[in-house]
């Protein structure tokens, strides 16, 4: 029984193509992730450094927003600037 897998990138390349010319494969993505396929199934995504950094920044923002939302109803603590 075969199964299908979603490809979460607009561009895909075979693993053999990646081995031959990795930078060419990355450039085909024009700054976006490239799905790397093995036997027509995605095995990993090649993500340019800038796109990866943006992804990590967004994940950190989501985590910080979650923390802020959890703390919104906590009592405030008065602090003097001199105490800092």
Protein backbone atom coordinates (compact mmCIF):
# COMPACT_ATOMS: atom_id res chain seq x y z
CA UNK A 1 0.00 0.00 0.00
CA UNK A 2 1.48 3.36 -0.99
CA UNK A 3 0.89 6.52 0.92
CA UNK A 4 1.08 10.13 -0.14
CA UNK A 5 2.97 12.83 1.66
CA UNK A 6 2.34 16.56 1.45
CA UNK A 7 5.19 18.59 0.04
CA UNK A 8 5.37 21.83 1.99
CA UNK A 9 7.45 23.76 -0.54
CA UNK A 10 6.85 25.19 -3.99
CA UNK A 11 10.09 23.69 -5.31
CA UNK A 12 11.32 20.12 -4.97
CA UNK A 13 14.44 18.29 -6.10
CA UNK A 14 15.67 14.74 -5.99
CA UNK A 15 18.40 13.75 -3.61
CA UNK A 16 20.67 12.84 -6.54
CA UNK A 17 20.23 16.36 -7.96
CA UNK A 18 21.14 17.78 -4.55
CA UNK A 19 24.30 15.66 -4.46
CA UNK A 20 25.36 16.86 -7.92
CA UNK A 21 24.92 20.58 -7.31
CA UNK A 22 23.63 21.58 -3.87
CA UNK A 23 23.90 25.35 -4.40
CA UNK A 24 21.95 25.16 -7.65
CA UNK A 25 19.12 23.36 -5.84
CA UNK A 26 19.07 26.00 -3.09
CA UNK A 27 19.06 28.81 -5.66
CA UNK A 28 16.03 27.27 -7.39
CA UNK A 29 14.05 27.97 -4.22
CA UNK A 30 14.72 31.70 -4.56
CA UNK A 31 15.14 32.12 -0.80
CA UNK A 32 12.41 29.67 0.17
CA UNK A 33 12.69 26.04 1.35
CA UNK A 34 13.22 23.29 -1.21
CA UNK A 35 11.73 19.84 -0.56
CA UNK A 36 14.31 17.12 -1.11
CA UNK A 37 12.75 13.90 -2.37
CA UNK A 38 13.92 10.31 -2.23
CA UNK A 39 11.82 7.99 -4.39
CA UNK A 40 9.23 10.75 -4.76
CA UNK A 41 8.79 11.16 -0.99
CA UNK A 42 10.01 14.23 0.90
CA UNK A 43 12.87 13.32 3.22
CA UNK A 44 13.94 16.79 4.32
CA UNK A 45 13.78 20.46 3.44
CA UNK A 46 16.79 22.50 2.41
CA UNK A 47 16.23 25.90 3.98
CA UNK A 48 18.42 28.92 3.21
CA UNK A 49 20.03 30.51 6.27
CA UNK A 50 17.97 33.71 6.04
CA UNK A 51 14.67 31.80 5.84
CA UNK A 52 15.73 29.61 8.80
CA UNK A 53 16.66 32.66 10.87
CA UNK A 54 13.28 34.28 10.09
CA UNK A 55 11.50 31.06 11.08
CA UNK A 56 13.35 30.90 14.40
CA UNK A 57 12.55 34.58 15.08
CA UNK A 58 8.85 33.92 14.47
CA UNK A 59 8.87 30.88 16.74
CA UNK A 60 10.52 32.94 19.49
CA UNK A 61 7.89 35.68 19.02
CA UNK A 62 5.10 33.11 19.35
CA UNK A 63 6.65 31.73 22.54
CA UNK A 64 7.06 35.23 24.02
CA UNK A 65 3.46 36.12 23.14
CA UNK A 66 2.29 32.92 24.87
CA UNK A 67 4.25 33.79 28.02
CA UNK A 68 2.88 37.36 28.00
CA UNK A 69 -0.68 36.08 27.56
CA UNK A 70 -0.26 33.65 30.48
CA UNK A 71 1.04 36.44 32.71
CA UNK A 72 -1.47 39.16 31.77
CA UNK A 73 -3.68 38.58 34.83
CA UNK A 74 -0.82 38.27 37.33
CA UNK A 75 -0.62 41.03 39.94
CA UNK A 76 1.73 43.89 39.21
CA UNK A 77 4.79 44.39 41.37
CA UNK A 78 5.87 47.96 42.05
CA UNK A 79 9.62 48.47 41.67
CA UNK A 80 11.60 51.64 42.17
CA UNK A 81 14.20 52.58 39.58
CA UNK A 82 16.61 53.07 42.50
CA UNK A 83 16.11 49.41 43.51
CA UNK A 84 17.27 48.24 40.11
